């Protein structure tokens, strides 16, 4: 076997074992700030988004937040939507909670890490919820205009003014600053382990033949 073919096989195996890279489902973090809301124990906010025709594994969510005053007791959730497209506020509608970043200092893009794994279904609406339960507060900005990047789309946002008892839905104009990072759902067939094993066997045989010829 020629040396060039041996190198190609080595490259093929290396390609097969490279982990999936994170993609941006949608983001408007680059859009200008129109204003912000101060979230506290009464005022919470939720920004919805929809996936495209593909399903994805959620990696994390970023939001333009900061300006914490006192101890906010901030929290973050991902919730499903009802048949009408509004947020499912029931216990069954809660899909994930997140580890919060620090919220002190000027507003900036900060990462919310999901506690657990979630597959975002294709063509489905989700709501990212931010609120506070402590005596303090923090800020979440929203964009000037509807510009965004990525295959997903921003949809309506919602507010509660009584700490989650009642929610009101609004249109999709000037959505909250948000970025949803994902990795594509793995293709089940052929399995990566099967491909890796097969390629490893080819590499082993090719290496032996290469050594024999040289």
N, C-alpha and C. Protein backbone atom coordinates (compact mmCIF):
# COMPACT_ATOMS: atom_id res chain seq x y z
N UNK A 1 0.85 -1.19 0.00
CA UNK A 1 0.00 0.00 0.00
C UNK A 1 0.89 1.24 0.00
N UNK A 2 0.57 2.26 -0.80
CA UNK A 2 1.39 3.45 -0.89
C UNK A 2 1.26 4.28 0.37
N UNK A 3 2.28 5.08 0.63
CA UNK A 3 2.28 5.93 1.83
C UNK A 3 1.14 6.94 1.78
N UNK A 4 0.84 7.47 0.59
CA UNK A 4 -0.23 8.47 0.47
C UNK A 4 -1.58 7.88 0.84
N UNK A 5 -1.87 6.65 0.44
CA UNK A 5 -3.13 6.01 0.80
C UNK A 5 -3.20 5.77 2.30
N UNK A 6 -2.07 5.41 2.88
CA UNK A 6 -2.03 5.18 4.33
C UNK A 6 -2.37 6.46 5.08
N UNK A 7 -1.86 7.59 4.62
CA UNK A 7 -2.15 8.88 5.25
C UNK A 7 -3.63 9.22 5.13
N UNK A 8 -4.23 8.92 3.97
CA UNK A 8 -5.65 9.19 3.78
C UNK A 8 -6.49 8.41 4.78
N UNK A 9 -6.14 7.15 5.02
CA UNK A 9 -6.89 6.32 5.96
C UNK A 9 -6.75 6.87 7.37
N UNK A 10 -5.54 7.28 7.74
CA UNK A 10 -5.33 7.87 9.05
C UNK A 10 -6.21 9.11 9.21
N UNK A 11 -6.28 9.92 8.17
CA UNK A 11 -7.12 11.11 8.23
C UNK A 11 -8.58 10.78 8.37
N UNK A 12 -9.02 9.70 7.71
CA UNK A 12 -10.42 9.28 7.80
C UNK A 12 -10.79 8.89 9.23
N UNK A 13 -9.93 8.14 9.88
CA UNK A 13 -10.20 7.74 11.25
C UNK A 13 -10.24 8.95 12.16
N UNK A 14 -9.32 9.88 11.96
CA UNK A 14 -9.29 11.09 12.78
C UNK A 14 -10.58 11.88 12.61
N UNK A 15 -11.08 11.95 11.36
CA UNK A 15 -12.33 12.66 11.09
C UNK A 15 -13.50 12.02 11.82
N UNK A 16 -13.52 10.70 11.87
CA UNK A 16 -14.64 10.00 12.48
C UNK A 16 -14.71 10.21 13.98
N UNK A 17 -13.60 10.46 14.63
CA UNK A 17 -13.62 10.59 16.08
C UNK A 17 -13.70 12.05 16.55
N UNK A 18 -13.79 13.02 15.61
CA UNK A 18 -13.93 14.42 16.00
C UNK A 18 -15.33 14.63 16.57
N UNK A 19 -15.48 15.20 17.77
CA UNK A 19 -16.81 15.40 18.35
C UNK A 19 -17.60 16.45 17.60
N UNK A 20 -18.92 16.40 17.73
CA UNK A 20 -19.77 17.36 17.07
C UNK A 20 -19.51 18.76 17.62
N UNK A 21 -19.51 19.75 16.73
CA UNK A 21 -19.25 21.12 17.13
C UNK A 21 -20.56 21.83 17.41
N UNK A 22 -20.51 22.76 18.37
CA UNK A 22 -21.70 23.53 18.73
C UNK A 22 -22.07 24.48 17.60
N UNK A 23 -23.36 24.62 17.37
CA UNK A 23 -23.89 25.54 16.37
C UNK A 23 -24.79 26.56 17.07
N UNK A 24 -25.03 27.65 16.40
CA UNK A 24 -25.96 28.66 16.90
C UNK A 24 -27.32 28.42 16.23
N UNK A 25 -28.31 28.06 17.03
CA UNK A 25 -29.66 27.89 16.50
C UNK A 25 -30.25 29.23 16.13
N UNK A 26 -30.09 30.21 17.00
CA UNK A 26 -30.47 31.58 16.70
C UNK A 26 -29.82 32.51 17.69
N UNK A 27 -29.59 33.75 17.27
CA UNK A 27 -28.97 34.75 18.13
C UNK A 27 -29.30 36.14 17.64
N UNK A 28 -29.57 37.03 18.59
CA UNK A 28 -29.68 38.45 18.28
C UNK A 28 -28.79 39.26 19.22
N UNK A 29 -27.76 38.61 19.77
CA UNK A 29 -26.86 39.30 20.70
C UNK A 29 -26.11 40.44 20.03
N UNK A 30 -25.99 40.38 18.71
CA UNK A 30 -25.30 41.44 17.99
C UNK A 30 -26.18 42.64 17.65
N UNK A 31 -27.45 42.55 17.98
CA UNK A 31 -28.38 43.65 17.68
C UNK A 31 -28.30 44.74 18.75
N UNK A 32 -28.56 45.99 18.37
CA UNK A 32 -28.48 47.09 19.35
C UNK A 32 -29.53 46.95 20.45
N UNK A 33 -29.23 47.55 21.59
CA UNK A 33 -30.14 47.51 22.74
C UNK A 33 -31.19 48.60 22.60
N UNK A 34 -32.44 48.21 22.69
CA UNK A 34 -33.53 49.18 22.71
C UNK A 34 -33.78 49.67 24.14
N UNK A 35 -33.83 48.71 25.07
CA UNK A 35 -34.04 49.03 26.48
C UNK A 35 -33.85 47.74 27.28
N UNK A 36 -34.20 47.78 28.54
CA UNK A 36 -34.08 46.58 29.37
C UNK A 36 -35.20 46.56 30.38
N UNK A 37 -35.44 45.36 30.92
CA UNK A 37 -36.38 45.18 32.03
C UNK A 37 -35.61 44.82 33.28
N UNK A 38 -36.07 45.34 34.41
CA UNK A 38 -35.51 44.97 35.69
C UNK A 38 -36.38 43.88 36.29
N UNK A 39 -35.82 42.69 36.40
CA UNK A 39 -36.56 41.52 36.89
C UNK A 39 -36.38 41.40 38.40
N UNK A 40 -37.50 41.20 39.08
CA UNK A 40 -37.46 41.07 40.54
C UNK A 40 -38.44 39.99 40.97
N UNK A 41 -38.89 40.03 42.20
CA UNK A 41 -39.76 38.97 42.70
C UNK A 41 -41.15 39.01 42.09
N UNK A 42 -41.52 40.10 41.41
CA UNK A 42 -42.84 40.21 40.79
C UNK A 42 -42.77 40.17 39.27
N UNK A 43 -41.81 40.89 38.69
CA UNK A 43 -41.70 40.96 37.23
C UNK A 43 -40.72 39.91 36.72
N UNK A 44 -41.24 38.92 36.02
CA UNK A 44 -40.44 37.91 35.34
C UNK A 44 -40.74 38.01 33.85
N UNK A 45 -39.84 37.48 33.02
CA UNK A 45 -40.01 37.56 31.57
C UNK A 45 -39.65 36.23 30.92
N UNK A 46 -40.24 36.00 29.76
CA UNK A 46 -39.99 34.76 29.00
C UNK A 46 -39.90 35.11 27.52
N UNK A 47 -38.86 34.66 26.85
CA UNK A 47 -38.69 34.85 25.42
C UNK A 47 -38.81 33.49 24.73
N UNK A 48 -39.67 33.41 23.74
CA UNK A 48 -39.84 32.14 23.04
C UNK A 48 -39.03 32.11 21.75
N UNK A 49 -38.72 30.91 21.32
CA UNK A 49 -38.03 30.69 20.05
C UNK A 49 -38.51 29.37 19.48
N UNK A 50 -38.31 29.21 18.17
CA UNK A 50 -38.72 27.98 17.49
C UNK A 50 -37.55 27.38 16.73
N UNK A 51 -37.49 26.06 16.75
CA UNK A 51 -36.50 25.35 15.95
C UNK A 51 -36.95 25.29 14.50
N UNK A 52 -36.01 24.96 13.62
CA UNK A 52 -36.36 24.76 12.22
C UNK A 52 -36.80 23.30 12.03
N UNK A 53 -36.62 22.76 10.84
CA UNK A 53 -37.10 21.41 10.55
C UNK A 53 -36.18 20.32 11.09
N UNK A 54 -35.17 20.70 11.86
CA UNK A 54 -34.25 19.71 12.42
C UNK A 54 -34.36 19.70 13.95
N UNK A 55 -33.90 18.62 14.55
CA UNK A 55 -33.84 18.53 16.02
C UNK A 55 -32.39 18.71 16.46
N UNK A 56 -32.22 19.21 17.68
CA UNK A 56 -30.89 19.56 18.18
C UNK A 56 -30.77 19.21 19.65
N UNK A 57 -29.53 18.94 20.07
CA UNK A 57 -29.23 18.82 21.48
C UNK A 57 -28.87 20.21 22.01
N UNK A 58 -29.54 20.62 23.07
CA UNK A 58 -29.26 21.93 23.64
C UNK A 58 -27.91 21.92 24.33
N UNK A 59 -27.06 22.90 24.00
CA UNK A 59 -25.75 23.04 24.64
C UNK A 59 -25.82 24.03 25.79
N UNK A 60 -26.25 25.25 25.51
CA UNK A 60 -26.46 26.26 26.53
C UNK A 60 -27.23 27.43 25.92
N UNK A 61 -27.60 28.37 26.75
CA UNK A 61 -28.29 29.58 26.30
C UNK A 61 -27.56 30.78 26.86
N UNK A 62 -27.40 31.80 26.03
CA UNK A 62 -26.77 33.03 26.44
C UNK A 62 -27.80 34.16 26.42
N UNK A 63 -27.69 35.08 27.36
CA UNK A 63 -28.58 36.23 27.41
C UNK A 63 -27.79 37.46 27.82
N UNK A 64 -28.26 38.62 27.41
CA UNK A 64 -27.61 39.88 27.74
C UNK A 64 -28.19 40.37 29.07
N UNK A 65 -27.53 40.02 30.15
CA UNK A 65 -28.05 40.28 31.49
C UNK A 65 -26.95 40.91 32.36
N UNK A 66 -27.34 41.40 33.53
CA UNK A 66 -26.39 41.98 34.47
C UNK A 66 -27.11 42.96 35.38
N UNK A 67 -26.34 43.89 35.93
CA UNK A 67 -26.91 44.94 36.74
C UNK A 67 -27.59 44.47 38.01
N UNK A 68 -27.11 43.37 38.59
CA UNK A 68 -27.76 42.85 39.79
C UNK A 68 -27.65 43.84 40.95
N UNK A 69 -28.77 44.03 41.63
CA UNK A 69 -28.81 44.83 42.84
C UNK A 69 -29.23 43.94 44.00
N UNK A 70 -28.41 43.91 45.04
CA UNK A 70 -28.71 43.05 46.17
C UNK A 70 -28.63 41.58 45.78
N UNK A 71 -29.30 40.76 46.55
CA UNK A 71 -29.35 39.32 46.28
C UNK A 71 -30.64 39.03 45.51
N UNK A 72 -30.52 38.81 44.21
CA UNK A 72 -31.71 38.68 43.37
C UNK A 72 -32.41 37.34 43.51
N UNK A 73 -31.67 36.30 43.86
CA UNK A 73 -32.27 34.97 43.84
C UNK A 73 -32.74 34.60 42.44
N UNK A 74 -31.94 34.97 41.45
CA UNK A 74 -32.32 34.74 40.06
C UNK A 74 -32.47 33.27 39.72
N UNK A 75 -33.32 32.99 38.74
CA UNK A 75 -33.49 31.62 38.25
C UNK A 75 -33.73 31.65 36.76
N UNK A 76 -33.51 30.52 36.12
CA UNK A 76 -33.72 30.38 34.68
C UNK A 76 -34.34 29.02 34.40
N UNK A 77 -35.31 29.02 33.50
CA UNK A 77 -36.01 27.79 33.13
C UNK A 77 -36.19 27.73 31.61
N UNK A 78 -36.36 26.51 31.11
CA UNK A 78 -36.83 26.31 29.75
C UNK A 78 -38.17 25.58 29.83
N UNK A 79 -39.18 26.15 29.18
CA UNK A 79 -40.52 25.59 29.23
C UNK A 79 -41.05 25.31 27.83
N UNK A 80 -41.97 24.36 27.79
CA UNK A 80 -42.62 24.01 26.53
C UNK A 80 -43.79 24.96 26.27
N UNK A 81 -44.39 24.83 25.11
CA UNK A 81 -45.54 25.65 24.75
C UNK A 81 -46.80 24.80 24.69
N UNK A 82 -47.93 25.47 24.81
CA UNK A 82 -49.21 24.79 24.71
C UNK A 82 -49.62 24.68 23.24
N UNK A 83 -50.76 24.08 23.01
CA UNK A 83 -51.26 23.93 21.64
C UNK A 83 -51.53 25.28 20.98
N UNK A 84 -51.80 26.31 21.78
CA UNK A 84 -52.06 27.64 21.23
C UNK A 84 -50.79 28.45 21.04
N UNK A 85 -49.65 27.92 21.47
CA UNK A 85 -48.38 28.62 21.31
C UNK A 85 -47.96 29.42 22.52
N UNK A 86 -48.83 29.52 23.53
CA UNK A 86 -48.44 30.22 24.75
C UNK A 86 -47.57 29.32 25.62
N UNK A 87 -46.94 29.91 26.60
CA UNK A 87 -46.06 29.14 27.48
C UNK A 87 -46.87 28.20 28.37
N UNK A 88 -46.38 26.99 28.51
CA UNK A 88 -47.00 26.02 29.41
C UNK A 88 -46.46 26.29 30.81
N UNK A 89 -47.30 26.89 31.65
CA UNK A 89 -46.88 27.26 33.01
C UNK A 89 -47.14 26.16 34.03
N UNK A 90 -47.65 25.03 33.59
CA UNK A 90 -47.93 23.93 34.52
C UNK A 90 -46.63 23.25 34.94
N UNK A 91 -46.73 22.40 35.94
CA UNK A 91 -45.55 21.66 36.40
C UNK A 91 -44.98 20.80 35.27
N UNK A 92 -45.85 20.27 34.43
CA UNK A 92 -45.39 19.44 33.32
C UNK A 92 -44.72 20.22 32.21
N UNK A 93 -44.91 21.54 32.20
CA UNK A 93 -44.31 22.36 31.16
C UNK A 93 -42.85 22.70 31.41
N UNK A 94 -42.37 22.44 32.62
CA UNK A 94 -40.97 22.72 32.95
C UNK A 94 -40.08 21.63 32.37
N UNK A 95 -39.18 22.00 31.47
CA UNK A 95 -38.30 21.04 30.81
C UNK A 95 -36.92 21.00 31.44
N UNK A 96 -36.39 22.17 31.79
CA UNK A 96 -35.03 22.26 32.30
C UNK A 96 -34.90 23.46 33.22
N UNK A 97 -33.96 23.38 34.14
CA UNK A 97 -33.49 24.55 34.86
C UNK A 97 -32.01 24.75 34.50
N UNK A 98 -31.45 25.88 34.88
CA UNK A 98 -30.10 26.24 34.47
C UNK A 98 -29.27 26.70 35.66
N UNK A 99 -27.97 26.46 35.55
CA UNK A 99 -27.01 27.08 36.46
C UNK A 99 -26.79 28.51 36.00
N UNK A 100 -26.97 29.46 36.90
CA UNK A 100 -26.86 30.86 36.53
C UNK A 100 -25.41 31.35 36.56
N UNK A 101 -25.06 32.25 35.64
CA UNK A 101 -23.76 32.92 35.73
C UNK A 101 -23.85 34.02 36.79
N UNK A 102 -22.74 34.66 37.07
CA UNK A 102 -22.78 35.84 37.91
C UNK A 102 -23.58 36.94 37.22
N UNK A 103 -24.36 37.68 37.97
CA UNK A 103 -25.23 38.71 37.39
C UNK A 103 -24.81 40.12 37.77
N UNK A 104 -23.71 40.27 38.50
CA UNK A 104 -23.25 41.60 38.90
C UNK A 104 -22.55 42.30 37.74
N UNK A 105 -22.48 43.60 37.80
CA UNK A 105 -21.78 44.37 36.78
C UNK A 105 -22.67 44.74 35.62
N UNK A 106 -22.10 45.49 34.69
CA UNK A 106 -22.85 45.96 33.52
C UNK A 106 -23.37 44.78 32.71
N UNK A 107 -24.51 44.98 32.06
CA UNK A 107 -25.09 43.92 31.24
C UNK A 107 -24.10 43.47 30.16
N UNK A 108 -24.02 42.17 29.97
CA UNK A 108 -23.14 41.58 28.95
C UNK A 108 -23.65 40.18 28.64
N UNK A 109 -23.23 39.59 27.52
CA UNK A 109 -23.66 38.22 27.21
C UNK A 109 -23.11 37.24 28.24
N UNK A 110 -23.99 36.48 28.88
CA UNK A 110 -23.59 35.51 29.90
C UNK A 110 -24.26 34.17 29.63
N UNK A 111 -23.58 33.12 30.03
CA UNK A 111 -23.99 31.77 29.65
C UNK A 111 -24.77 31.08 30.77
N UNK A 112 -25.91 30.53 30.40
CA UNK A 112 -26.75 29.75 31.31
C UNK A 112 -26.59 28.28 30.91
N UNK A 113 -26.06 27.49 31.83
CA UNK A 113 -25.75 26.09 31.54
C UNK A 113 -26.89 25.18 32.00
N UNK A 114 -27.45 24.38 31.10
CA UNK A 114 -28.58 23.52 31.50
C UNK A 114 -28.17 22.45 32.50
N UNK A 115 -29.05 22.19 33.44
CA UNK A 115 -28.84 21.11 34.39
C UNK A 115 -29.53 19.87 33.83
N UNK A 116 -28.80 19.09 33.08
CA UNK A 116 -29.37 17.94 32.39
C UNK A 116 -29.34 18.15 30.89
N UNK A 117 -29.71 17.10 30.18
CA UNK A 117 -29.71 17.12 28.71
C UNK A 117 -31.13 17.27 28.18
N UNK A 118 -31.23 17.88 27.00
CA UNK A 118 -32.54 18.02 26.37
C UNK A 118 -32.39 18.03 24.86
N UNK A 119 -33.22 17.25 24.19
CA UNK A 119 -33.29 17.27 22.74
C UNK A 119 -34.39 18.23 22.33
N UNK A 120 -34.03 19.28 21.60
CA UNK A 120 -35.01 20.22 21.09
C UNK A 120 -35.64 19.63 19.83
N UNK A 121 -36.93 19.40 19.87
CA UNK A 121 -37.62 18.77 18.75
C UNK A 121 -37.71 19.72 17.56
N UNK A 122 -37.85 19.15 16.38
CA UNK A 122 -37.96 19.96 15.17
C UNK A 122 -39.27 20.75 15.16
N UNK A 123 -39.21 21.95 14.61
CA UNK A 123 -40.39 22.80 14.40
C UNK A 123 -41.23 22.94 15.67
N UNK A 124 -40.55 23.26 16.77
CA UNK A 124 -41.20 23.31 18.07
C UNK A 124 -40.85 24.62 18.78
N UNK A 125 -41.81 25.15 19.53
CA UNK A 125 -41.61 26.40 20.26
C UNK A 125 -41.24 26.11 21.71
N UNK A 126 -40.25 26.87 22.21
CA UNK A 126 -39.80 26.79 23.59
C UNK A 126 -39.74 28.18 24.19
N UNK A 127 -39.79 28.25 25.53
CA UNK A 127 -39.71 29.52 26.24
C UNK A 127 -38.55 29.50 27.23
N UNK A 128 -37.69 30.51 27.12
CA UNK A 128 -36.62 30.70 28.10
C UNK A 128 -37.10 31.75 29.09
N UNK A 129 -37.14 31.37 30.36
CA UNK A 129 -37.73 32.20 31.41
C UNK A 129 -36.64 32.68 32.36
N UNK A 130 -36.67 33.98 32.67
CA UNK A 130 -35.79 34.54 33.69
C UNK A 130 -36.64 35.27 34.72
N UNK A 131 -36.26 35.11 35.98
CA UNK A 131 -36.97 35.78 37.05
C UNK A 131 -36.12 35.82 38.30
N UNK A 132 -36.69 36.37 39.38
CA UNK A 132 -35.97 36.50 40.65
C UNK A 132 -36.92 36.15 41.79
N UNK A 133 -36.36 35.60 42.83
CA UNK A 133 -37.18 35.25 43.99
C UNK A 133 -36.69 35.94 45.26
N UNK A 134 -35.56 36.63 45.17
CA UNK A 134 -35.00 37.29 46.35
C UNK A 134 -35.45 38.74 46.46
N UNK A 135 -34.89 39.44 47.41
CA UNK A 135 -35.25 40.85 47.58
C UNK A 135 -34.61 41.76 46.54
N UNK A 136 -33.57 41.28 45.84
CA UNK A 136 -32.88 42.09 44.85
C UNK A 136 -33.47 41.95 43.46
N UNK A 137 -32.68 42.37 42.45
CA UNK A 137 -33.15 42.36 41.06
C UNK A 137 -31.96 42.27 40.11
N UNK A 138 -32.23 42.01 38.83
CA UNK A 138 -31.22 42.08 37.79
C UNK A 138 -31.89 42.49 36.49
N UNK A 139 -31.09 42.79 35.47
CA UNK A 139 -31.59 43.36 34.22
C UNK A 139 -31.43 42.39 33.06
N UNK A 140 -32.39 42.43 32.14
CA UNK A 140 -32.33 41.67 30.89
C UNK A 140 -32.72 42.64 29.78
N UNK A 141 -31.84 42.82 28.80
CA UNK A 141 -32.11 43.79 27.74
C UNK A 141 -32.85 43.16 26.57
N UNK A 142 -33.51 44.01 25.81
CA UNK A 142 -34.16 43.55 24.58
C UNK A 142 -33.70 44.41 23.41
N UNK A 143 -33.84 43.85 22.22
CA UNK A 143 -33.19 44.40 21.02
C UNK A 143 -34.03 45.50 20.36
N UNK A 144 -33.33 46.31 19.59
CA UNK A 144 -33.96 47.27 18.70
C UNK A 144 -34.11 46.59 17.35
N UNK A 145 -35.34 46.18 17.01
CA UNK A 145 -35.57 45.47 15.76
C UNK A 145 -35.56 43.97 15.94
N UNK A 146 -35.81 43.28 14.83
CA UNK A 146 -35.97 41.82 14.86
C UNK A 146 -34.86 41.07 14.15
N UNK A 147 -33.72 41.70 13.96
CA UNK A 147 -32.62 41.03 13.30
C UNK A 147 -32.08 39.87 14.12
N UNK A 148 -31.69 38.81 13.43
CA UNK A 148 -31.10 37.65 14.11
C UNK A 148 -30.35 36.80 13.10
N UNK A 149 -29.54 35.89 13.61
CA UNK A 149 -28.84 34.92 12.76
C UNK A 149 -29.22 33.52 13.21
N UNK A 150 -29.01 32.54 12.33
CA UNK A 150 -29.29 31.15 12.66
C UNK A 150 -30.58 30.67 12.05
N UNK A 151 -30.76 29.34 11.95
CA UNK A 151 -31.95 28.77 11.31
C UNK A 151 -33.21 28.83 12.16
N UNK A 152 -33.07 29.07 13.45
CA UNK A 152 -34.25 29.19 14.31
C UNK A 152 -34.89 30.55 14.17
N UNK A 153 -35.97 30.77 14.90
CA UNK A 153 -36.67 32.06 14.81
C UNK A 153 -37.19 32.47 16.18
N UNK A 154 -37.23 33.79 16.39
CA UNK A 154 -37.82 34.33 17.61
C UNK A 154 -39.33 34.45 17.42
N UNK A 155 -40.04 34.13 18.47
CA UNK A 155 -41.50 34.28 18.44
C UNK A 155 -41.90 35.15 19.64
N UNK A 156 -43.07 35.02 20.14
CA UNK A 156 -43.59 35.97 21.12
C UNK A 156 -42.85 35.92 22.46
N UNK A 157 -43.00 36.99 23.24
CA UNK A 157 -42.47 37.00 24.59
C UNK A 157 -43.63 37.17 25.57
N UNK A 158 -43.37 36.85 26.84
CA UNK A 158 -44.41 36.93 27.85
C UNK A 158 -43.87 37.58 29.12
N UNK A 159 -44.79 38.19 29.87
CA UNK A 159 -44.46 38.80 31.17
C UNK A 159 -45.42 38.29 32.22
N UNK A 160 -44.92 38.26 33.46
CA UNK A 160 -45.78 38.13 34.63
C UNK A 160 -45.43 39.29 35.56
N UNK A 161 -46.46 39.90 36.14
CA UNK A 161 -46.25 41.02 37.05
C UNK A 161 -46.59 40.65 38.49
N UNK A 162 -46.85 39.35 38.71
CA UNK A 162 -47.21 38.90 40.06
C UNK A 162 -46.45 37.63 40.44
N UNK A 163 -45.19 37.55 40.01
CA UNK A 163 -44.36 36.43 40.42
C UNK A 163 -44.79 35.09 39.88
N UNK A 164 -45.33 35.05 38.67
CA UNK A 164 -45.65 33.79 38.02
C UNK A 164 -47.07 33.31 38.15
N UNK A 165 -47.92 34.07 38.85
CA UNK A 165 -49.31 33.64 39.00
C UNK A 165 -50.06 33.77 37.68
N UNK A 166 -49.90 34.90 37.01
CA UNK A 166 -50.57 35.15 35.72
C UNK A 166 -49.53 35.63 34.71
N UNK A 167 -49.66 35.14 33.49
CA UNK A 167 -48.75 35.53 32.42
C UNK A 167 -49.55 36.15 31.28
N UNK A 168 -48.95 37.15 30.64
CA UNK A 168 -49.55 37.75 29.46
C UNK A 168 -48.60 37.64 28.28
N UNK A 169 -49.13 37.32 27.10
CA UNK A 169 -48.29 37.15 25.91
C UNK A 169 -48.34 38.41 25.05
N UNK A 170 -47.21 38.68 24.37
CA UNK A 170 -47.08 39.85 23.52
C UNK A 170 -46.54 39.39 22.17
N UNK A 171 -46.38 40.34 21.24
CA UNK A 171 -45.95 39.95 19.90
C UNK A 171 -44.45 39.64 19.88
N UNK A 172 -43.91 39.51 18.68
CA UNK A 172 -42.50 39.13 18.56
C UNK A 172 -41.60 40.31 18.20
N UNK A 173 -42.09 41.54 18.37
CA UNK A 173 -41.29 42.71 18.05
C UNK A 173 -40.25 42.97 19.15
N UNK A 174 -39.02 43.29 18.72
CA UNK A 174 -37.95 43.64 19.65
C UNK A 174 -37.76 42.57 20.74
N UNK A 175 -37.39 41.38 20.35
CA UNK A 175 -37.25 40.28 21.33
C UNK A 175 -36.10 40.51 22.30
N UNK A 176 -36.17 39.81 23.42
CA UNK A 176 -35.08 39.86 24.38
C UNK A 176 -33.79 39.34 23.73
N UNK A 177 -32.67 39.88 24.18
CA UNK A 177 -31.37 39.42 23.67
C UNK A 177 -31.12 37.99 24.15
N UNK A 178 -30.90 37.11 23.17
CA UNK A 178 -30.81 35.68 23.47
C UNK A 178 -30.00 34.98 22.39
N UNK A 179 -29.26 33.97 22.80
CA UNK A 179 -28.58 33.09 21.85
C UNK A 179 -28.73 31.66 22.33
N UNK A 180 -29.19 30.78 21.44
CA UNK A 180 -29.38 29.37 21.77
C UNK A 180 -28.31 28.56 21.04
N UNK A 181 -27.44 27.93 21.80
CA UNK A 181 -26.36 27.12 21.24
C UNK A 181 -26.72 25.64 21.31
N UNK A 182 -26.49 24.94 20.21
CA UNK A 182 -26.92 23.54 20.09
C UNK A 182 -25.86 22.72 19.38
N UNK A 183 -26.04 21.41 19.42
CA UNK A 183 -25.30 20.50 18.55
C UNK A 183 -26.33 19.66 17.80
N UNK A 184 -26.07 19.37 16.53
CA UNK A 184 -27.03 18.58 15.76
C UNK A 184 -27.28 17.22 16.40
N UNK A 185 -28.50 16.75 16.25
CA UNK A 185 -28.81 15.41 16.75
C UNK A 185 -27.98 14.39 15.99
N UNK A 186 -27.41 13.42 16.71
CA UNK A 186 -26.58 12.40 16.08
C UNK A 186 -27.41 11.54 15.14
N UNK A 187 -26.84 11.19 13.99
CA UNK A 187 -27.48 10.27 13.05
C UNK A 187 -27.31 8.85 13.56
N UNK A 188 -28.39 8.10 13.80
CA UNK A 188 -28.26 6.80 14.45
C UNK A 188 -27.63 5.71 13.61
N UNK A 189 -27.75 5.78 12.28
CA UNK A 189 -27.20 4.70 11.45
C UNK A 189 -26.37 5.29 10.32
N UNK A 190 -25.20 4.75 10.03
CA UNK A 190 -24.55 3.72 10.85
C UNK A 190 -24.02 4.32 12.12
N UNK A 191 -23.91 3.52 13.16
CA UNK A 191 -23.48 4.04 14.45
C UNK A 191 -22.02 4.47 14.38
N UNK A 192 -21.68 5.46 15.18
CA UNK A 192 -20.30 5.94 15.19
C UNK A 192 -19.34 4.86 15.67
N UNK A 193 -19.81 4.02 16.61
CA UNK A 193 -18.94 2.95 17.10
C UNK A 193 -18.64 1.94 16.00
N UNK A 194 -19.65 1.64 15.17
CA UNK A 194 -19.44 0.70 14.07
C UNK A 194 -18.45 1.27 13.07
N UNK A 195 -18.63 2.54 12.72
CA UNK A 195 -17.71 3.17 11.78
C UNK A 195 -16.30 3.23 12.33
N UNK A 196 -16.19 3.56 13.60
CA UNK A 196 -14.88 3.68 14.19
C UNK A 196 -14.18 2.32 14.24
N UNK A 197 -14.94 1.27 14.61
CA UNK A 197 -14.34 -0.07 14.67
C UNK A 197 -13.89 -0.51 13.29
N UNK A 198 -14.76 -0.30 12.28
CA UNK A 198 -14.40 -0.71 10.93
C UNK A 198 -13.19 0.04 10.42
N UNK A 199 -13.14 1.34 10.67
CA UNK A 199 -12.01 2.13 10.21
C UNK A 199 -10.73 1.74 10.93
N UNK A 200 -10.86 1.43 12.22
CA UNK A 200 -9.68 1.01 12.98
C UNK A 200 -9.12 -0.29 12.42
N UNK A 201 -9.99 -1.23 12.02
CA UNK A 201 -9.53 -2.49 11.46
C UNK A 201 -8.80 -2.25 10.14
N UNK A 202 -9.38 -1.35 9.31
CA UNK A 202 -8.72 -1.04 8.04
C UNK A 202 -7.36 -0.43 8.29
N UNK A 203 -7.32 0.48 9.28
CA UNK A 203 -6.05 1.13 9.61
C UNK A 203 -5.02 0.11 10.08
N UNK A 204 -5.45 -0.85 10.92
CA UNK A 204 -4.53 -1.87 11.43
C UNK A 204 -3.97 -2.70 10.29
N UNK A 205 -4.84 -3.16 9.39
CA UNK A 205 -4.39 -3.99 8.27
C UNK A 205 -3.49 -3.20 7.33
N UNK A 206 -3.89 -1.93 7.10
CA UNK A 206 -3.08 -1.11 6.20
C UNK A 206 -1.71 -0.85 6.79
N UNK A 207 -1.67 -0.65 8.11
CA UNK A 207 -0.38 -0.41 8.75
C UNK A 207 0.53 -1.61 8.66
N UNK A 208 -0.05 -2.80 8.82
CA UNK A 208 0.77 -4.03 8.71
C UNK A 208 1.30 -4.18 7.29
N UNK A 209 0.45 -3.91 6.30
CA UNK A 209 0.89 -4.07 4.91
C UNK A 209 1.96 -3.03 4.58
N UNK A 210 1.75 -1.81 5.11
CA UNK A 210 2.72 -0.77 4.86
C UNK A 210 4.08 -1.14 5.45
N UNK A 211 4.05 -1.70 6.66
CA UNK A 211 5.28 -2.10 7.30
C UNK A 211 5.96 -3.23 6.54
N UNK A 212 5.17 -4.16 6.00
CA UNK A 212 5.71 -5.29 5.23
C UNK A 212 6.36 -4.81 3.96
N UNK A 213 5.74 -3.83 3.27
CA UNK A 213 6.27 -3.35 1.99
C UNK A 213 7.51 -2.49 2.19
N UNK A 214 7.72 -1.97 3.40
CA UNK A 214 8.84 -1.08 3.63
C UNK A 214 9.78 -1.64 4.68
